[in-house]
C-alpha atoms as a PDB file:
ATOM      1  CA  MET A   1       0.000   0.000   0.000  1.00  0.00           C
ATOM      2  CA  ARG A   2       2.871   2.369   0.732  1.00  0.00           C
ATOM      3  CA  ALA A   3       4.264   1.691  -2.727  1.00  0.00           C
ATOM      4  CA  LEU A   4       0.911   2.656  -4.222  1.00  0.00           C
ATOM      5  CA  ALA A   5       0.912   5.911  -2.248  1.00  0.00           C
ATOM      6  CA  GLN A   6       4.433   6.653  -3.505  1.00  0.00           C
ATOM      7  CA  TYR A   7       3.278   6.039  -7.087  1.00  0.00           C
ATOM      8  CA  ILE A   8       0.304   8.396  -6.631  1.00  0.00           C
ATOM      9  CA  MET A   9       2.539  11.156  -5.293  1.00  0.00           C
ATOM     10  CA  ARG A  10       5.050  10.755  -8.109  1.00  0.00           C
ATOM     11  CA  GLY A  11       3.113  13.186 -10.320  1.00  0.00           C
ATOM     12  CA  ARG A  12      -0.220  14.348 -11.666  1.00  0.00           C
ATOM     13  CA  ILE A  13      -0.308  11.758 -14.446  1.00  0.00           C
ATOM     14  CA  GLN A  14       0.231   8.868 -12.052  1.00  0.00           C
ATOM     15  CA  ALA A  15      -2.409  10.162  -9.639  1.00  0.00           C
ATOM     16  CA  SER A  16      -4.876  10.648 -12.499  1.00  0.00           C
ATOM     17  CA  VAL A  17      -4.342   7.090 -13.721  1.00  0.00           C
ATOM     18  CA  VAL A  18      -4.987   5.650 -10.261  1.00  0.00           C
ATOM     19  CA  ALA A  19      -8.044   7.884  -9.788  1.00  0.00           C
ATOM     20  CA  PHE A  20      -9.487   6.822 -13.151  1.00  0.00           C
ATOM     21  CA  PHE A  21      -8.953   3.070 -12.829  1.00  0.00           C
ATOM     22  CA  GLY A  22      -9.389   3.103  -9.050  1.00  0.00           C
ATOM     23  CA  SER A  23     -13.148   3.165  -9.516  1.00  0.00           C
ATOM     24  CA  LEU A  24     -12.847  -0.576 -10.157  1.00  0.00           C
ATOM     25  CA  LEU A  25     -11.829  -1.093  -6.507  1.00  0.00           C
ATOM     26  CA  PRO A  26     -13.638   0.109  -3.378  1.00  0.00           C
ATOM     27  CA  LEU A  27     -12.359   3.390  -1.892  1.00  0.00           C
ATOM     28  CA  LEU A  28      -9.252   3.636  -4.092  1.00  0.00           C
ATOM     29  CA  SER A  29     -10.309   6.481  -6.370  1.00  0.00           C
ATOM     30  CA  PRO A  30     -11.618   8.860  -3.657  1.00  0.00           C
ATOM     31  CA  ALA A  31      -8.690   7.950  -1.395  1.00  0.00           C
ATOM     32  CA  THR A  32      -6.357   9.033  -4.204  1.00  0.00           C
ATOM     33  CA  VAL A  33      -8.190  12.357  -4.455  1.00  0.00           C
ATOM     34  CA  SER A  34      -7.887  12.736  -0.693  1.00  0.00           C
ATOM     35  CA  LEU A  35      -4.152  11.983  -0.592  1.00  0.00           C
ATOM     36  CA  VAL A  36      -3.400  14.506  -3.333  1.00  0.00           C
ATOM     37  CA  THR A  37      -5.559  17.143  -1.633  1.00  0.00           C
ATOM     38  CA  LEU A  38      -3.980  16.556   1.775  1.00  0.00           C
ATOM     39  CA  SER A  39      -0.501  16.823   0.313  1.00  0.00           C
ATOM     40  CA  LYS A  40      -0.848  19.411  -2.473  1.00  0.00           C
ATOM     41  CA  GLY A  41      -4.022  21.361  -1.805  1.00  0.00           C
ATOM     42  CA  LEU A  42      -7.529  21.824  -3.136  1.00  0.00           C
ATOM     43  CA  ALA A  43      -6.633  22.919  -6.659  1.00  0.00           C
ATOM     44  CA  GLU A  44      -4.514  19.856  -7.390  1.00  0.00           C
ATOM     45  CA  GLY A  45      -7.036  17.574  -5.722  1.00  0.00           C
ATOM     46  CA  SER A  46      -9.827  19.017  -7.874  1.00  0.00           C
ATOM     47  CA  LEU A  47      -7.956  18.075 -11.052  1.00  0.00           C
ATOM     48  CA  ILE A  48      -7.587  14.489  -9.847  1.00  0.00           C
ATOM     49  CA  LEU A  49     -11.261  14.515  -8.847  1.00  0.00           C
ATOM     50  CA  LEU A  50     -12.238  15.135 -12.481  1.00  0.00           C
ATOM     51  CA  TRP A  51     -10.417  11.974 -13.546  1.00  0.00           C
ATOM     52  CA  GLY A  52     -11.975  10.043 -10.682  1.00  0.00           C
ATOM     53  CA  CYS A  53     -15.470  11.179 -11.662  1.00  0.00           C
ATOM     54  CA  LEU A  54     -15.038  10.428 -15.367  1.00  0.00           C
ATOM     55  CA  PRO A  55     -15.810   6.688 -15.033  1.00  0.00           C
ATOM     56  CA  LEU A  56     -18.867   7.603 -12.952  1.00  0.00           C
ATOM     57  CA  LEU A  57     -20.124   9.913 -15.691  1.00  0.00           C
ATOM     58  CA  ILE A  58     -19.600   7.168 -18.263  1.00  0.00           C
ATOM     59  CA  ALA A  59     -21.552   4.763 -16.067  1.00  0.00           C
ATOM     60  CA  PHE A  60     -24.290   7.371 -15.666  1.00  0.00           C
ATOM     61  CA  TYR A  61     -24.954   7.372 -19.406  1.00  0.00           C
ATOM     62  CA  VAL A  62     -24.317   3.747 -20.404  1.00  0.00           C
ATOM     63  CA  SER A  63     -25.121   1.676 -17.322  1.00  0.00           C
ATOM     64  CA  GLY A  64     -28.467   0.318 -16.194  1.00  0.00           C
ATOM     65  CA  VAL A  65     -27.646   1.155 -12.579  1.00  0.00           C
ATOM     66  CA  SER A  66     -29.923   3.688 -10.884  1.00  0.00           C
ATOM     67  CA  PRO A  67     -28.659   7.203 -11.695  1.00  0.00           C
ATOM     68  CA  MET A  68     -29.108   8.139  -8.030  1.00  0.00           C
ATOM     69  CA  ILE A  69     -26.438   5.635  -7.002  1.00  0.00           C
ATOM     70  CA  THR A  70     -23.979   7.112  -9.503  1.00  0.00           C
ATOM     71  CA  LEU A  71     -24.858  10.642  -8.394  1.00  0.00           C
ATOM     72  CA  ALA A  72     -24.448   9.724  -4.716  1.00  0.00           C
ATOM     73  CA  THR A  73     -21.026   8.237  -5.472  1.00  0.00           C
ATOM     74  CA  SER A  74     -20.022  11.457  -7.206  1.00  0.00           C
ATOM     75  CA  ALA A  75     -21.286  13.445  -4.215  1.00  0.00           C
ATOM     76  CA  GLY A  76     -19.094  11.249  -2.025  1.00  0.00           C
ATOM     77  CA  MET A  77     -16.064  12.173  -4.120  1.00  0.00           C
ATOM     78  CA  VAL A  78     -16.804  15.860  -3.608  1.00  0.00           C
ATOM     79  CA  ALA A  79     -17.301  15.290   0.133  1.00  0.00           C
ATOM     80  CA  VAL A  80     -13.897  13.600   0.304  1.00  0.00           C
ATOM     81  CA  LEU A  81     -12.277  16.502  -1.543  1.00  0.00           C
ATOM     82  CA  VAL A  82     -13.754  19.174   0.736  1.00  0.00           C
ATOM     83  CA  SER A  83     -13.164  17.278   3.984  1.00  0.00           C
ATOM     84  CA  SER A  84      -9.559  16.577   2.975  1.00  0.00           C
ATOM     85  CA  GLU A  85      -8.974  20.290   2.469  1.00  0.00           C
ATOM     86  CA  VAL A  86     -10.557  21.013   5.863  1.00  0.00           C
ATOM     87  CA  LEU A  87      -8.252  18.485   7.526  1.00  0.00           C
ATOM     88  CA  ARG A  88      -5.235  19.883   5.687  1.00  0.00           C
ATOM     89  CA  ARG A  89      -5.970  23.398   6.890  1.00  0.00           C
ATOM     90  CA  THR A  90      -7.212  22.729  10.436  1.00  0.00           C
ATOM     91  CA  LEU A  91      -5.300  19.543  11.347  1.00  0.00           C
ATOM     92  CA  SER A  92      -8.421  18.719  13.376  1.00  0.00           C
ATOM     93  CA  TRP A  93     -10.325  15.461  12.913  1.00  0.00           C
ATOM     94  CA  SER A  94     -13.196  16.721  15.051  1.00  0.00           C
ATOM     95  CA  HIS A  95     -13.781  19.760  12.825  1.00  0.00           C
ATOM     96  CA  THR A  96     -13.337  17.652   9.715  1.00  0.00           C
ATOM     97  CA  LEU A  97     -15.913  15.062  10.790  1.00  0.00           C
ATOM     98  CA  LEU A  98     -18.480  17.713  11.645  1.00  0.00           C
ATOM     99  CA  VAL A  99     -17.990  19.354   8.251  1.00  0.00           C
ATOM    100  CA  LEU A 100     -18.239  15.960   6.587  1.00  0.00           C
ATOM    101  CA  VAL A 101     -21.550  15.172   8.309  1.00  0.00           C
ATOM    102  CA  PHE A 102     -22.907  18.559   7.253  1.00  0.00           C
ATOM    103  CA  ILE A 103     -21.762  18.131   3.637  1.00  0.00           C
ATOM    104  CA  SER A 104     -23.239  14.635   3.444  1.00  0.00           C
ATOM    105  CA  ALA A 105     -26.606  15.812   4.757  1.00  0.00           C
ATOM    106  CA  VAL A 106     -26.758  18.844   2.461  1.00  0.00           C
ATOM    107  CA  GLY A 107     -25.557  16.806  -0.510  1.00  0.00           C
ATOM    108  CA  SER A 108     -28.278  14.205   0.017  1.00  0.00           C
ATOM    109  CA  VAL A 109     -30.968  16.890   0.157  1.00  0.00           C
ATOM    110  CA  LEU A 110     -29.597  18.631  -2.946  1.00  0.00           C
ATOM    111  CA  LEU A 111     -29.569  15.364  -4.885  1.00  0.00           C
ATOM    112  CA  ASN A 112     -33.229  14.945  -4.012  1.00  0.00           C
ATOM    113  CA  LEU A 113     -34.063  18.490  -5.142  1.00  0.00           C
ATOM    114  CA  LEU A 114     -32.050  18.413  -8.368  1.00  0.00           C
ATOM    115  CA  PHE A 115     -32.743  14.813  -9.404  1.00  0.00           C
ATOM    116  CA  SER A 116     -36.148  14.077  -7.915  1.00  0.00           C
ATOM    117  CA  ASP A 117     -37.103  11.632 -10.682  1.00  0.00           C
ATOM    118  CA  SER A 118     -34.006   9.509 -10.033  1.00  0.00           C
ATOM    119  CA  ALA A 119     -34.673   9.654  -6.292  1.00  0.00           C
ATOM    120  CA  ARG A 120     -38.235   8.476  -6.909  1.00  0.00           C
ATOM    121  CA  GLU A 121     -36.995   5.529  -8.980  1.00  0.00           C
ATOM    122  CA  LEU A 122     -34.534   4.495  -6.268  1.00  0.00           C
ATOM    123  CA  GLU A 123     -37.233   4.928  -3.614  1.00  0.00           C
ATOM    124  CA  THR A 124     -39.517   2.548  -5.524  1.00  0.00           C
ATOM    125  CA  LEU A 125     -36.678   0.047  -5.930  1.00  0.00           C
ATOM    126  CA  VAL A 126     -35.777   0.117  -2.221  1.00  0.00           C
ATOM    127  CA  ALA A 127     -39.422  -0.135  -1.161  1.00  0.00           C
ATOM    128  CA  GLY A 128     -39.817  -3.217  -3.345  1.00  0.00           C
ATOM    129  CA  MET A 129     -36.744  -4.828  -1.757  1.00  0.00           C
ATOM    130  CA  PHE A 130     -38.097  -4.137   1.733  1.00  0.00           C
ATOM    131  CA  SER A 131     -41.445  -5.661   0.805  1.00  0.00           C
ATOM    132  CA  GLN A 132     -39.791  -8.838  -0.455  1.00  0.00           C
ATOM    133  CA  LEU A 133     -37.683  -9.180   2.686  1.00  0.00           C
ATOM    134  CA  GLN A 134     -40.692  -8.652   4.932  1.00  0.00           C
ATOM    135  CA  GLU A 135     -42.721 -11.226   3.014  1.00  0.00           C
ATOM    136  CA  GLN A 136     -39.941 -13.770   3.575  1.00  0.00           C
ATOM    137  CA  GLY A 137     -39.788 -12.944   7.279  1.00  0.00           C
ATOM    138  CA  GLU A 138     -42.160 -14.212   9.937  1.00  0.00           C
ATOM    139  CA  THR A 139     -42.664 -11.067  11.943  1.00  0.00           C
ATOM    140  CA  GLY A 140     -46.102  -9.974  13.037  1.00  0.00           C
ATOM    141  CA  ALA A 141     -45.142  -6.323  13.239  1.00  0.00           C
ATOM    142  CA  ALA A 142     -46.550  -3.782  10.832  1.00  0.00           C
ATOM    143  CA  PRO A 143     -44.428  -3.676   7.668  1.00  0.00           C
ATOM    144  CA  PHE A 144     -42.114  -0.708   7.308  1.00  0.00           C
ATOM    145  CA  GLN A 145     -42.180   1.011   3.950  1.00  0.00           C
ATOM    146  CA  PRO A 146     -39.159   3.323   3.639  1.00  0.00           C
ATOM    147  CA  GLY A 147     -40.003   6.663   2.132  1.00  0.00           C
ATOM    148  CA  ARG A 148     -37.986   9.522   0.714  1.00  0.00           C
ATOM    149  CA  THR A 149     -36.807  10.817   4.098  1.00  0.00           C
ATOM    150  CA  PHE A 150     -35.455   7.408   5.116  1.00  0.00           C
ATOM    151  CA  LEU A 151     -33.736   6.971   1.756  1.00  0.00           C
ATOM    152  CA  LEU A 152     -32.049  10.375   1.939  1.00  0.00           C
ATOM    153  CA  GLY A 153     -30.767   9.565   5.432  1.00  0.00           C
ATOM    154  CA  VAL A 154     -29.285   6.299   4.164  1.00  0.00           C
ATOM    155  CA  ILE A 155     -27.597   8.088   1.262  1.00  0.00           C
ATOM    156  CA  ALA A 156     -26.150  10.745   3.578  1.00  0.00           C
ATOM    157  CA  TYR A 157     -24.880   8.098   6.017  1.00  0.00           C
ATOM    158  CA  VAL A 158     -23.276   5.971   3.300  1.00  0.00           C
ATOM    159  CA  VAL A 159     -21.628   9.039   1.756  1.00  0.00           C
ATOM    160  CA  ALA A 160     -20.256  10.114   5.146  1.00  0.00           C
ATOM    161  CA  LEU A 161     -19.091   6.633   6.147  1.00  0.00           C
ATOM    162  CA  THR A 162     -17.302   5.888   2.875  1.00  0.00           C
ATOM    163  CA  SER A 163     -15.786   9.375   2.882  1.00  0.00           C
ATOM    164  CA  VAL A 164     -14.410   8.788   6.382  1.00  0.00           C
ATOM    165  CA  ALA A 165     -12.917   5.472   5.278  1.00  0.00           C
ATOM    166  CA  CYS A 166     -11.232   7.129   2.292  1.00  0.00           C
ATOM    167  CA  LEU A 167      -9.976  10.006   4.434  1.00  0.00           C
ATOM    168  CA  VAL A 168      -8.524   7.611   7.005  1.00  0.00           C
ATOM    169  CA  LEU A 169      -6.773   5.597   4.285  1.00  0.00           C
ATOM    170  CA  ALA A 170      -5.355   8.737   2.656  1.00  0.00           C
ATOM    171  CA  ARG A 171      -4.161  10.190   5.971  1.00  0.00           C
ATOM    172  CA  TRP A 172      -2.497   6.885   6.821  1.00  0.00           C
ATOM    173  CA  TRP A 173      -0.781   6.911   3.424  1.00  0.00           C
ATOM    174  CA  GLN A 174       0.401  10.467   3.979  1.00  0.00           C
ATOM    175  CA  ALA A 175       1.762   9.650   7.438  1.00  0.00           C
ATOM    176  CA  ALA A 176       3.564   6.580   6.077  1.00  0.00           C
ATOM    177  CA  LEU A 177       5.257   8.729   3.439  1.00  0.00           C
ATOM    178  CA  TYR A 178       6.037  11.918   5.336  1.00  0.00           C
ATOM    179  CA  ASN A 179       5.183  11.649   9.032  1.00  0.00           C
ATOM    180  CA  GLN A 180       5.636   8.215  10.604  1.00  0.00           C
ATOM    181  CA  GLY A 181       3.180   7.748  13.464  1.00  0.00           C
ATOM    182  CA  GLY A 182       1.411  11.017  12.762  1.00  0.00           C
ATOM    183  CA  PHE A 183      -1.925   9.475  11.872  1.00  0.00           C
ATOM    184  CA  GLN A 184      -1.944   7.351  15.024  1.00  0.00           C
ATOM    185  CA  ARG A 185      -1.362  10.398  17.216  1.00  0.00           C
ATOM    186  CA  GLU A 186      -4.138  12.322  15.481  1.00  0.00           C
ATOM    187  CA  PHE A 187      -6.633   9.493  15.746  1.00  0.00           C
ATOM    188  CA  HIS A 188      -5.851   8.840  19.407  1.00  0.00           C
ATOM    189  CA  GLN A 189      -6.605  12.503  20.188  1.00  0.00           C
ATOM    190  CA  LEU A 190     -10.005  12.536  18.453  1.00  0.00           C
ATOM    191  CA  ARG A 191     -12.611  13.986  20.799  1.00  0.00           C
ATOM    192  CA  PHE A 192     -15.281  16.685  20.708  1.00  0.00           C
ATOM    193  CA  SER A 193     -16.228  19.574  22.940  1.00  0.00           C
ATOM    194  CA  PRO A 194     -18.991  18.779  25.460  1.00  0.00           C
ATOM    195  CA  ALA A 195     -21.409  21.161  23.721  1.00  0.00           C
ATOM    196  CA  VAL A 196     -20.893  19.533  20.320  1.00  0.00           C
ATOM    197  CA  ALA A 197     -21.106  16.015  21.743  1.00  0.00           C
ATOM    198  CA  LEU A 198     -24.333  16.758  23.624  1.00  0.00           C
ATOM    199  CA  SER A 199     -25.831  18.352  20.518  1.00  0.00           C
ATOM    200  CA  LEU A 200     -25.055  15.254  18.472  1.00  0.00           C
ATOM    201  CA  VAL A 201     -26.566  12.964  21.114  1.00  0.00           C
ATOM    202  CA  VAL A 202     -29.700  15.109  21.262  1.00  0.00           C
ATOM    203  CA  GLY A 203     -29.978  14.839  17.485  1.00  0.00           C
ATOM    204  CA  VAL A 204     -29.558  11.054  17.601  1.00  0.00           C
ATOM    205  CA  THR A 205     -32.172  10.768  20.365  1.00  0.00           C
ATOM    206  CA  VAL A 206     -34.677  12.908  18.471  1.00  0.00           C
ATOM    207  CA  CYS A 207     -34.229  10.753  15.361  1.00  0.00           C
ATOM    208  CA  TYR A 208     -34.843   7.570  17.361  1.00  0.00           C
ATOM    209  CA  LEU A 209     -37.933   9.007  19.078  1.00  0.00           C
ATOM    210  CA  ALA A 210     -39.336  10.393  15.825  1.00  0.00           C
ATOM    211  CA  PRO A 211     -41.225   8.169  13.346  1.00  0.00           C
ATOM    212  CA  GLN A 212     -39.213   5.279  11.942  1.00  0.00           C
ATOM    213  CA  GLU A 213     -38.743   7.210   8.726  1.00  0.00           C
ATOM    214  CA  TYR A 214     -36.140   9.381  10.479  1.00  0.00           C
ATOM    215  CA  GLY A 215     -34.159   6.499  11.978  1.00  0.00           C
ATOM    216  CA  SER A 216     -31.597   6.487   9.175  1.00  0.00           C
ATOM    217  CA  TRP A 217     -30.504  10.020  10.119  1.00  0.00           C
ATOM    218  CA  ALA A 218     -29.518   8.872  13.610  1.00  0.00           C
ATOM    219  CA  GLY A 219     -26.583   6.947  12.173  1.00  0.00           C
ATOM    220  CA  LEU A 220     -25.288  10.050  10.402  1.00  0.00           C
ATOM    221  CA  LEU A 221     -25.475  12.235  13.516  1.00  0.00           C
ATOM    222  CA  GLY A 222     -23.924   9.541  15.692  1.00  0.00           C
ATOM    223  CA  LEU A 223     -21.022   8.858  13.320  1.00  0.00           C
ATOM    224  CA  PRO A 224     -18.602  11.454  14.794  1.00  0.00           C
ATOM    225  CA  LEU A 225     -19.067  10.176  18.354  1.00  0.00           C
ATOM    226  CA  PHE A 226     -18.877   6.590  17.103  1.00  0.00           C
ATOM    227  CA  LEU A 227     -15.453   7.343  15.612  1.00  0.00           C
ATOM    228  CA  GLY A 228     -14.472   9.151  18.797  1.00  0.00           C
ATOM    229  CA  GLY A 229     -15.285   5.965  20.721  1.00  0.00           C
ATOM    230  CA  ILE A 230     -13.137   3.927  18.355  1.00  0.00           C
ATOM    231  CA  GLY A 231     -10.298   6.418  18.823  1.00  0.00           C
ATOM    232  CA  LEU A 232     -10.611   6.004  22.595  1.00  0.00           C
ATOM    233  CA  VAL A 233     -10.375   2.217  22.260  1.00  0.00           C
ATOM    234  CA  HIS A 234      -7.230   2.530  20.134  1.00  0.00           C
ATOM    235  CA  CYS A 235      -5.734   5.021  22.575  1.00  0.00           C
ATOM    236  CA  THR A 236      -6.415   2.693  25.522  1.00  0.00           C
ATOM    237  CA  VAL A 237      -4.850  -0.293  23.774  1.00  0.00           C
ATOM    238  CA  ALA A 238      -1.751   1.755  22.904  1.00  0.00           C
ATOM    239  CA  HIS A 239      -1.302   3.253  26.389  1.00  0.00           C
ATOM    240  CA  TYR A 240      -1.652  -0.039  28.245  1.00  0.00           C
ATOM    241  CA  GLN A 241       0.124  -2.087  25.540  1.00  0.00           C
ATOM    242  CA  ILE A 242      -2.403  -4.892  25.883  1.00  0.00           C
ATOM    243  CA  GLY A 243      -1.787  -6.295  22.423  1.00  0.00           C
ATOM    244  CA  VAL A 244      -2.950  -5.390  18.958  1.00  0.00           C
ATOM    245  CA  HIS A 245      -4.827  -8.710  18.729  1.00  0.00           C
ATOM    246  CA  TRP A 246      -7.425  -7.213  21.057  1.00  0.00           C
ATOM    247  CA  LEU A 247      -8.187  -4.643  18.391  1.00  0.00           C
ATOM    248  CA  ALA A 248      -8.919  -7.485  15.982  1.00  0.00           C
ATOM    249  CA  VAL A 249     -11.304  -8.989  18.532  1.00  0.00           C
ATOM    250  CA  PHE A 250     -12.885  -5.581  18.999  1.00  0.00           C
ATOM    251  CA  TYR A 251     -13.556  -5.094  15.270  1.00  0.00           C
ATOM    252  CA  VAL A 252     -14.962  -8.603  14.922  1.00  0.00           C
ATOM    253  CA  GLY A 253     -17.292  -7.831  17.809  1.00  0.00           C
ATOM    254  CA  LEU A 254     -18.248  -4.557  16.183  1.00  0.00           C
ATOM    255  CA  VAL A 255     -19.375  -6.441  13.090  1.00  0.00           C
ATOM    256  CA  ILE A 256     -21.363  -9.192  14.813  1.00  0.00           C
ATOM    257  CA  ILE A 257     -22.699  -7.306  17.856  1.00  0.00           C
ATOM    258  CA  GLY A 258     -24.967  -4.495  16.679  1.00  0.00           C
ATOM    259  CA  PRO A 259     -25.489  -2.712  20.046  1.00  0.00           C
ATOM    260  CA  LEU A 260     -21.709  -2.264  20.380  1.00  0.00           C
ATOM    261  CA  SER A 261     -21.934   0.702  18.008  1.00  0.00           C
ATOM    262  CA  LEU A 262     -24.265   2.467  20.464  1.00  0.00           C
ATOM    263  CA  VAL A 263     -21.785   1.724  23.257  1.00  0.00           C
ATOM    264  CA  LEU A 264     -19.060   3.433  21.219  1.00  0.00           C
ATOM    265  CA  VAL A 265     -21.289   6.475  20.702  1.00  0.00           C
ATOM    266  CA  GLY A 266     -21.727   6.574  24.482  1.00  0.00           C
ATOM    267  CA  LEU A 267     -17.971   6.295  24.980  1.00  0.00           C
ATOM    268  CA  GLY A 268     -17.440   9.146  22.567  1.00  0.00           C
ATOM    269  CA  LEU A 269     -19.886  11.263  24.577  1.00  0.00           C
ATOM    270  CA  LEU A 270     -18.306  10.388  27.937  1.00  0.00           C
ATOM    271  CA  ASP A 271     -14.810  11.086  26.630  1.00  0.00           C
ATOM    272  CA  SER A 272     -15.937  14.478  25.341  1.00  0.00           C
ATOM    273  CA  ILE A 273     -17.274  15.385  28.786  1.00  0.00           C
ATOM    274  CA  LEU A 274     -14.771  13.662  31.091  1.00  0.00           C
ATOM    275  CA  ASN A 275     -11.631  13.557  28.894  1.00  0.00           C
ATOM    276  CA  ILE A 276     -11.065   9.881  29.652  1.00  0.00           C
ATOM    277  CA  ARG A 277      -7.796   9.804  27.690  1.00  0.00           C
ATOM    278  CA  THR A 278      -6.123  12.213  30.101  1.00  0.00           C
ATOM    279  CA  ARG A 279      -7.381  10.245  33.080  1.00  0.00           C
ATOM    280  CA  LEU A 280      -6.021   7.014  31.598  1.00  0.00           C
ATOM    281  CA  VAL A 281      -2.585   8.519  31.099  1.00  0.00           C
ATOM    282  CA  LYS A 282      -2.524   9.918  34.632  1.00  0.00           C
ATOM    283  CA  GLY A 283      -3.724   6.598  36.034  1.00  0.00           C
ATOM    284  CA  LYS A 284      -0.914   4.780  34.275  1.00  0.00           C
ATOM    285  CA  ARG A 285       1.622   6.989  36.003  1.00  0.00           C
END
């Protein structure tokens, strides 16, 4: 992976090639845009973005895939570009994640306003999939038919989550090339101010208490604190040197134990209020 990052940073042509053909692999194309933006700035990253979006535009015109999916992927590329520039300028993951959540939400709403016909087609497709799954199930509960609001929340969450993954990969690449250990230090320090953390939790709670249609937006609002909780876990493992294999166990548990994600959101909130990292370091002494 480090060799690939070195190839990308060799020049504009190399980065453009990876961005163009990287659409064949998950995350590679937007991560290339992010790495170039983090290292060389918004203008250079925008040029690479054009090459990364070109295969998406081709797919938009010749593929049978829903146009909304292609448009959402393109919106994700733009979100990666902007959030990478924010991180480059502020050196703050907390600010970057908040901006990313905002961009993802606004982008989802704009896609709905500008391409309402495509959104309607995708809404019909998703509703049909839900109906088939519910017919196969044996639940006696009233069937849930996702509407436009639910769909837009899912799009915003997927855009934000994939953008975070690309940003993390690009920052790790950059640290491996120019600043060994820099990404680890940044990620271990990820926490939010108490006011921001409480606002996010209030938003998540409101989404859960609101009609089920708004449930998909809870994941988007909880994403920053979720990542803050993961950062706290990594920081704890590093400080107490309890073995990297425990991180593997943790991520396996995160995949198979759904409620663990809510626990991490809670950890992110507690760390924002109590600054658990500082207490852990003092306790070790």
